[in-house]
């Protein structure tokens, strides 16, 4: 199996295709989801394709819904 790699356009580091748990937050709400992307050997400073960003979009939908529900419960 050939490992997928790319060179980071700014740092020159070799990035590898991987899936890592990333914590997303929105107005005090938090969720951790597995985020596909191109990652350096150390750290989570990845580069993401449009397809990868679907996970980010999902996280934001979940967090915004949780926040809205919390506001509804406070209001009444």
PDB file of N, CA and C in Angstrom:
ATOM      1  N   UNK A   1       0.841  -1.174   0.000  1.00  0.00           N
ATOM      2  CA  UNK A   1       0.000   0.000   0.000  1.00  0.00           C
ATOM      3  C   UNK A   1       0.892   1.246   0.000  1.00  0.00           C
ATOM      4  N   UNK A   2       0.596   2.199  -0.866  1.00  0.00           N
ATOM      5  CA  UNK A   2       1.362   3.431  -0.959  1.00  0.00           C
ATOM      6  C   UNK A   2       0.754   4.459  -0.009  1.00  0.00           C
ATOM      7  N   UNK A   3       1.603   5.017   0.857  1.00  0.00           N
ATOM      8  CA  UNK A   3       1.133   6.017   1.805  1.00  0.00           C
ATOM      9  C   UNK A   3       0.986   7.365   1.095  1.00  0.00           C
ATOM     10  N   UNK A   4      -0.143   8.029   1.327  1.00  0.00           N
ATOM     11  CA  UNK A   4      -0.384   9.320   0.713  1.00  0.00           C
ATOM     12  C   UNK A   4       0.353  10.401   1.494  1.00  0.00           C
ATOM     13  N   UNK A   5       1.111  11.239   0.796  1.00  0.00           N
ATOM     14  CA  UNK A   5       1.809  12.354   1.430  1.00  0.00           C
ATOM     15  C   UNK A   5       1.688  13.599   0.558  1.00  0.00           C
ATOM     16  N   UNK A   6       1.950  14.735   1.181  1.00  0.00           N
ATOM     17  CA  UNK A   6       2.047  16.004   0.462  1.00  0.00           C
ATOM     18  C   UNK A   6       2.998  16.896   1.238  1.00  0.00           C
ATOM     19  N   UNK A   7       3.508  17.907   0.599  1.00  0.00           N
ATOM     20  CA  UNK A   7       4.402  18.858   1.234  1.00  0.00           C
ATOM     21  C   UNK A   7       3.600  20.083   1.672  1.00  0.00           C
ATOM     22  N   UNK A   8       3.783  20.492   2.927  1.00  0.00           N
ATOM     23  CA  UNK A   8       3.092  21.677   3.439  1.00  0.00           C
ATOM     24  C   UNK A   8       3.566  22.892   2.645  1.00  0.00           C
ATOM     25  N   UNK A   9       2.646  23.683   2.106  1.00  0.00           N
ATOM     26  CA  UNK A   9       3.031  24.799   1.237  1.00  0.00           C
ATOM     27  C   UNK A   9       3.810  25.908   1.954  1.00  0.00           C
ATOM     28  N   UNK A  10       3.689  26.005   3.270  1.00  0.00           N
ATOM     29  CA  UNK A  10       4.391  27.063   4.002  1.00  0.00           C
ATOM     30  C   UNK A  10       5.638  26.564   4.721  1.00  0.00           C
ATOM     31  N   UNK A  11       5.546  25.391   5.355  1.00  0.00           N
ATOM     32  CA  UNK A  11       6.655  24.917   6.190  1.00  0.00           C
ATOM     33  C   UNK A  11       7.576  23.943   5.475  1.00  0.00           C
ATOM     34  N   UNK A  12       7.100  23.328   4.387  1.00  0.00           N
ATOM     35  CA  UNK A  12       7.898  22.328   3.688  1.00  0.00           C
ATOM     36  C   UNK A  12       7.884  20.964   4.346  1.00  0.00           C
ATOM     37  N   UNK A  13       7.148  20.835   5.465  1.00  0.00           N
ATOM     38  CA  UNK A  13       7.046  19.540   6.148  1.00  0.00           C
ATOM     39  C   UNK A  13       6.296  18.537   5.283  1.00  0.00           C
ATOM     40  N   UNK A  14       6.629  17.264   5.459  1.00  0.00           N
ATOM     41  CA  UNK A  14       5.881  16.202   4.810  1.00  0.00           C
ATOM     42  C   UNK A  14       4.634  15.910   5.635  1.00  0.00           C
ATOM     43  N   UNK A  15       3.488  16.018   5.007  1.00  0.00           N
ATOM     44  CA  UNK A  15       2.208  15.734   5.657  1.00  0.00           C
ATOM     45  C   UNK A  15       1.717  14.380   5.182  1.00  0.00           C
ATOM     46  N   UNK A  16       1.062  13.661   6.084  1.00  0.00           N
ATOM     47  CA  UNK A  16       0.506  12.358   5.750  1.00  0.00           C
ATOM     48  C   UNK A  16      -1.007  12.372   5.959  1.00  0.00           C
ATOM     49  N   UNK A  17      -1.671  11.630   5.105  1.00  0.00           N
ATOM     50  CA  UNK A  17      -3.125  11.499   5.219  1.00  0.00           C
ATOM     51  C   UNK A  17      -3.410  10.723   6.495  1.00  0.00           C
ATOM     52  N   UNK A  18      -4.308  11.261   7.327  1.00  0.00           N
ATOM     53  CA  UNK A  18      -4.599  10.638   8.616  1.00  0.00           C
ATOM     54  C   UNK A  18      -5.984  11.094   9.069  1.00  0.00           C
ATOM     55  N   UNK A  19      -6.470  10.457  10.107  1.00  0.00           N
ATOM     56  CA  UNK A  19      -7.702  10.864  10.773  1.00  0.00           C
ATOM     57  C   UNK A  19      -7.355  11.022  12.248  1.00  0.00           C
ATOM     58  N   UNK A  20      -7.627  12.215  12.790  1.00  0.00           N
ATOM     59  CA  UNK A  20      -7.278  12.493  14.184  1.00  0.00           C
ATOM     60  C   UNK A  20      -8.471  13.093  14.914  1.00  0.00           C
ATOM     61  N   UNK A  21      -8.581  12.798  16.212  1.00  0.00           N
ATOM     62  CA  UNK A  21      -9.655  13.413  16.993  1.00  0.00           C
ATOM     63  C   UNK A  21      -9.360  14.901  17.192  1.00  0.00           C
ATOM     64  N   UNK A  22     -10.330  15.738  16.845  1.00  0.00           N
ATOM     65  CA  UNK A  22     -10.187  17.184  16.978  1.00  0.00           C
ATOM     66  C   UNK A  22     -11.376  17.697  17.794  1.00  0.00           C
ATOM     67  N   UNK A  23     -11.082  18.573  18.750  1.00  0.00           N
ATOM     68  CA  UNK A  23     -12.150  19.186  19.534  1.00  0.00           C
ATOM     69  C   UNK A  23     -12.614  20.467  18.848  1.00  0.00           C
ATOM     70  N   UNK A  24     -13.902  20.576  18.649  1.00  0.00           N
ATOM     71  CA  UNK A  24     -14.529  21.758  18.079  1.00  0.00           C
ATOM     72  C   UNK A  24     -15.317  22.440  19.187  1.00  0.00           C
ATOM     73  N   UNK A  25     -15.401  23.755  19.134  1.00  0.00           N
ATOM     74  CA  UNK A  25     -16.179  24.471  20.153  1.00  0.00           C
ATOM     75  C   UNK A  25     -16.960  25.616  19.513  1.00  0.00           C
ATOM     76  N   UNK A  26     -18.077  25.935  20.159  1.00  0.00           N
ATOM     77  CA  UNK A  26     -18.935  27.026  19.718  1.00  0.00           C
ATOM     78  C   UNK A  26     -19.715  27.534  20.922  1.00  0.00           C
ATOM     79  N   UNK A  27     -19.463  28.772  21.309  1.00  0.00           N
ATOM     80  CA  UNK A  27     -20.185  29.437  22.404  1.00  0.00           C
ATOM     81  C   UNK A  27     -20.323  28.557  23.645  1.00  0.00           C
ATOM     82  N   UNK A  28     -19.213  27.986  24.064  1.00  0.00           N
ATOM     83  CA  UNK A  28     -19.190  27.185  25.281  1.00  0.00           C
ATOM     84  C   UNK A  28     -19.512  25.712  25.092  1.00  0.00           C
ATOM     85  N   UNK A  29     -20.038  25.345  23.945  1.00  0.00           N
ATOM     86  CA  UNK A  29     -20.323  23.944  23.640  1.00  0.00           C
ATOM     87  C   UNK A  29     -19.083  23.312  23.014  1.00  0.00           C
ATOM     88  N   UNK A  30     -18.825  22.044  23.327  1.00  0.00           N
ATOM     89  CA  UNK A  30     -17.653  21.356  22.778  1.00  0.00           C
ATOM     90  C   UNK A  30     -18.031  19.953  22.316  1.00  0.00           C
ATOM     91  N   UNK A  31     -17.332  19.504  21.264  1.00  0.00           N
ATOM     92  CA  UNK A  31     -17.504  18.137  20.771  1.00  0.00           C
ATOM     93  C   UNK A  31     -16.186  17.706  20.124  1.00  0.00           C
ATOM     94  N   UNK A  32     -15.861  16.429  20.253  1.00  0.00           N
ATOM     95  CA  UNK A  32     -14.669  15.879  19.615  1.00  0.00           C
ATOM     96  C   UNK A  32     -15.114  14.898  18.540  1.00  0.00           C
ATOM     97  N   UNK A  33     -14.625  15.126  17.313  1.00  0.00           N
ATOM     98  CA  UNK A  33     -14.930  14.247  16.189  1.00  0.00           C
ATOM     99  C   UNK A  33     -13.629  13.855  15.493  1.00  0.00           C
ATOM    100  N   UNK A  34     -13.656  12.740  14.789  1.00  0.00           N
ATOM    101  CA  UNK A  34     -12.499  12.292  14.007  1.00  0.00           C
ATOM    102  C   UNK A  34     -12.436  13.106  12.717  1.00  0.00           C
ATOM    103  N   UNK A  35     -11.341  13.853  12.545  1.00  0.00           N
ATOM    104  CA  UNK A  35     -11.178  14.770  11.417  1.00  0.00           C
ATOM    105  C   UNK A  35     -10.136  14.251  10.445  1.00  0.00           C
ATOM    106  N   UNK A  36     -10.558  13.901   9.220  1.00  0.00           N
ATOM    107  CA  UNK A  36      -9.582  13.502   8.206  1.00  0.00           C
ATOM    108  C   UNK A  36      -8.840  14.729   7.701  1.00  0.00           C
ATOM    109  N   UNK A  37      -7.606  14.528   7.287  1.00  0.00           N
ATOM    110  CA  UNK A  37      -6.833  15.640   6.749  1.00  0.00           C
ATOM    111  C   UNK A  37      -5.401  15.236   6.470  1.00  0.00           C
ATOM    112  N   UNK A  38      -4.587  16.225   6.135  1.00  0.00           N
ATOM    113  CA  UNK A  38      -3.155  16.066   5.892  1.00  0.00           C
ATOM    114  C   UNK A  38      -2.450  16.640   7.108  1.00  0.00           C
ATOM    115  N   UNK A  39      -1.745  15.780   7.867  1.00  0.00           N
ATOM    116  CA  UNK A  39      -1.168  16.190   9.139  1.00  0.00           C
ATOM    117  C   UNK A  39       0.346  16.012   9.169  1.00  0.00           C
ATOM    118  N   UNK A  40       1.044  16.901   9.935  1.00  0.00           N
ATOM    119  CA  UNK A  40       2.472  16.718  10.161  1.00  0.00           C
ATOM    120  C   UNK A  40       2.676  15.599  11.185  1.00  0.00           C
ATOM    121  N   UNK A  41       3.911  15.107  11.320  1.00  0.00           N
ATOM    122  CA  UNK A  41       4.155  14.032  12.293  1.00  0.00           C
ATOM    123  C   UNK A  41       3.758  14.423  13.716  1.00  0.00           C
ATOM    124  N   UNK A  42       3.973  15.671  14.101  1.00  0.00           N
ATOM    125  CA  UNK A  42       3.612  16.155  15.434  1.00  0.00           C
ATOM    126  C   UNK A  42       2.597  17.272  15.315  1.00  0.00           C
ATOM    127  N   UNK A  43       1.613  17.280  16.193  1.00  0.00           N
ATOM    128  CA  UNK A  43       0.635  18.365  16.216  1.00  0.00           C
ATOM    129  C   UNK A  43      -0.568  18.108  15.337  1.00  0.00           C
ATOM    130  N   UNK A  44      -1.525  19.018  15.450  1.00  0.00           N
ATOM    131  CA  UNK A  44      -2.789  18.892  14.718  1.00  0.00           C
ATOM    132  C   UNK A  44      -2.980  19.993  13.684  1.00  0.00           C
ATOM    133  N   UNK A  45      -1.911  20.675  13.320  1.00  0.00           N
ATOM    134  CA  UNK A  45      -1.998  21.763  12.350  1.00  0.00           C
ATOM    135  C   UNK A  45      -2.090  21.179  10.946  1.00  0.00           C
ATOM    136  N   UNK A  46      -3.278  20.696  10.607  1.00  0.00           N
ATOM    137  CA  UNK A  46      -3.471  20.000   9.339  1.00  0.00           C
ATOM    138  C   UNK A  46      -3.965  20.896   8.225  1.00  0.00           C
ATOM    139  N   UNK A  47      -3.967  20.335   7.049  1.00  0.00           N
ATOM    140  CA  UNK A  47      -4.558  20.958   5.869  1.00  0.00           C
ATOM    141  C   UNK A  47      -5.733  20.073   5.459  1.00  0.00           C
ATOM    142  N   UNK A  48      -6.870  20.715   5.152  1.00  0.00           N
ATOM    143  CA  UNK A  48      -8.098  19.968   4.928  1.00  0.00           C
ATOM    144  C   UNK A  48      -8.692  20.268   3.556  1.00  0.00           C
ATOM    145  N   UNK A  49      -9.175  19.214   2.905  1.00  0.00           N
ATOM    146  CA  UNK A  49      -9.861  19.366   1.629  1.00  0.00           C
ATOM    147  C   UNK A  49     -11.312  19.760   1.890  1.00  0.00           C
ATOM    148  N   UNK A  50     -12.008  20.106   0.843  1.00  0.00           N
ATOM    149  CA  UNK A  50     -13.433  20.424   0.982  1.00  0.00           C
ATOM    150  C   UNK A  50     -14.206  19.225   1.523  1.00  0.00           C
ATOM    151  N   UNK A  51     -13.857  18.015   1.073  1.00  0.00           N
ATOM    152  CA  UNK A  51     -14.520  16.818   1.599  1.00  0.00           C
ATOM    153  C   UNK A  51     -14.241  16.645   3.083  1.00  0.00           C
ATOM    154  N   UNK A  52     -12.981  16.912   3.504  1.00  0.00           N
ATOM    155  CA  UNK A  52     -12.631  16.814   4.923  1.00  0.00           C
ATOM    156  C   UNK A  52     -13.469  17.778   5.757  1.00  0.00           C
ATOM    157  N   UNK A  53     -13.717  18.960   5.213  1.00  0.00           N
ATOM    158  CA  UNK A  53     -14.425  20.000   5.948  1.00  0.00           C
ATOM    159  C   UNK A  53     -15.881  19.637   6.244  1.00  0.00           C
ATOM    160  N   UNK A  54     -16.386  18.587   5.633  1.00  0.00           N
ATOM    161  CA  UNK A  54     -17.741  18.122   5.949  1.00  0.00           C
ATOM    162  C   UNK A  54     -17.837  17.732   7.421  1.00  0.00           C
ATOM    163  N   UNK A  55     -16.744  17.230   7.997  1.00  0.00           N
ATOM    164  CA  UNK A  55     -16.735  16.879   9.424  1.00  0.00           C
ATOM    165  C   UNK A  55     -16.850  18.155  10.261  1.00  0.00           C
ATOM    166  N   UNK A  56     -16.119  19.189   9.883  1.00  0.00           N
ATOM    167  CA  UNK A  56     -16.205  20.485  10.574  1.00  0.00           C
ATOM    168  C   UNK A  56     -17.640  21.014  10.506  1.00  0.00           C
ATOM    169  N   UNK A  57     -18.238  20.962   9.323  1.00  0.00           N
ATOM    170  CA  UNK A  57     -19.604  21.453   9.150  1.00  0.00           C
ATOM    171  C   UNK A  57     -20.579  20.681  10.031  1.00  0.00           C
ATOM    172  N   UNK A  58     -20.397  19.366  10.117  1.00  0.00           N
ATOM    173  CA  UNK A  58     -21.245  18.533  10.975  1.00  0.00           C
ATOM    174  C   UNK A  58     -21.088  18.944  12.433  1.00  0.00           C
ATOM    175  N   UNK A  59     -19.854  19.156  12.861  1.00  0.00           N
ATOM    176  CA  UNK A  59     -19.593  19.564  14.244  1.00  0.00           C
ATOM    177  C   UNK A  59     -20.292  20.882  14.552  1.00  0.00           C
ATOM    178  N   UNK A  60     -20.204  21.839  13.629  1.00  0.00           N
ATOM    179  CA  UNK A  60     -20.827  23.140  13.856  1.00  0.00           C
ATOM    180  C   UNK A  60     -22.350  23.039  13.930  1.00  0.00           C
ATOM    181  N   UNK A  61     -22.934  22.193  13.083  1.00  0.00           N
ATOM    182  CA  UNK A  61     -24.394  22.001  13.142  1.00  0.00           C
ATOM    183  C   UNK A  61     -24.806  21.443  14.501  1.00  0.00           C
ATOM    184  N   UNK A  62     -24.063  20.449  14.985  1.00  0.00           N
ATOM    185  CA  UNK A  62     -24.371  19.836  16.278  1.00  0.00           C
ATOM    186  C   UNK A  62     -24.232  20.862  17.402  1.00  0.00           C
ATOM    187  N   UNK A  63     -23.141  21.603  17.397  1.00  0.00           N
ATOM    188  CA  UNK A  63     -22.879  22.567  18.467  1.00  0.00           C
ATOM    189  C   UNK A  63     -23.887  23.716  18.454  1.00  0.00           C
ATOM    190  N   UNK A  64     -24.238  24.207  17.287  1.00  0.00           N
ATOM    191  CA  UNK A  64     -25.218  25.286  17.201  1.00  0.00           C
ATOM    192  C   UNK A  64     -26.588  24.812  17.676  1.00  0.00           C
ATOM    193  N   UNK A  65     -26.948  23.564  17.352  1.00  0.00           N
ATOM    194  CA  UNK A  65     -28.227  23.009  17.810  1.00  0.00           C
ATOM    195  C   UNK A  65     -28.224  22.859  19.331  1.00  0.00           C
ATOM    196  N   UNK A  66     -27.116  22.394  19.899  1.00  0.00           N
ATOM    197  CA  UNK A  66     -27.019  22.272  21.362  1.00  0.00           C
ATOM    198  C   UNK A  66     -27.150  23.636  22.025  1.00  0.00           C
ATOM    199  N   UNK A  67     -26.476  24.627  21.462  1.00  0.00           N
ATOM    200  CA  UNK A  67     -26.519  25.976  22.033  1.00  0.00           C
ATOM    201  C   UNK A  67     -27.936  26.544  21.951  1.00  0.00           C
ATOM    202  N   UNK A  68     -28.588  26.379  20.814  1.00  0.00           N
ATOM    203  CA  UNK A  68     -29.957  26.865  20.642  1.00  0.00           C
ATOM    204  C   UNK A  68     -30.903  26.188  21.631  1.00  0.00           C
ATOM    205  N   UNK A  69     -30.721  24.895  21.830  1.00  0.00           N
ATOM    206  CA  UNK A  69     -31.565  24.157  22.783  1.00  0.00           C
ATOM    207  C   UNK A  69     -31.342  24.673  24.203  1.00  0.00           C
ATOM    208  N   UNK A  70     -30.099  24.935  24.545  1.00  0.00           N
ATOM    209  CA  UNK A  70     -29.796  25.467  25.877  1.00  0.00           C
ATOM    210  C   UNK A  70     -30.473  26.825  26.062  1.00  0.00           C
ATOM    211  N   UNK A  71     -30.412  27.685  25.050  1.00  0.00           N
ATOM    212  CA  UNK A  71     -31.058  28.998  25.146  1.00  0.00           C
ATOM    213  C   UNK A  71     -32.579  28.869  25.280  1.00  0.00           C
ATOM    214  N   UNK A  72     -33.150  27.915  24.540  1.00  0.00           N
ATOM    215  CA  UNK A  72     -34.606  27.678  24.637  1.00  0.00           C
ATOM    216  C   UNK A  72     -34.981  27.237  26.035  1.00  0.00           C
ATOM    217  N   UNK A  73     -34.186  26.353  26.623  1.00  0.00           N
ATOM    218  CA  UNK A  73     -34.483  25.861  27.970  1.00  0.00           C
ATOM    219  C   UNK A  73     -34.360  26.969  29.009  1.00  0.00           C
ATOM    220  N   UNK A  74     -33.434  27.887  28.794  1.00  0.00           N
ATOM    221  CA  UNK A  74     -33.278  29.020  29.725  1.00  0.00           C
ATOM    222  C   UNK A  74     -34.464  29.970  29.584  1.00  0.00           C
ATOM    223  N   UNK A  75     -34.892  30.202  28.350  1.00  0.00           N
ATOM    224  CA  UNK A  75     -35.976  31.147  28.087  1.00  0.00           C
ATOM    225  C   UNK A  75     -37.334  30.623  28.536  1.00  0.00           C
ATOM    226  N   UNK A  76     -37.415  29.341  28.575  1.00  0.00           N
ATOM    227  CA  UNK A  76     -38.636  28.945  29.060  1.00  0.00           C
ATOM    228  C   UNK A  76     -39.460  27.853  28.863  1.00  0.00           C
TER     229      UNK A  76
END
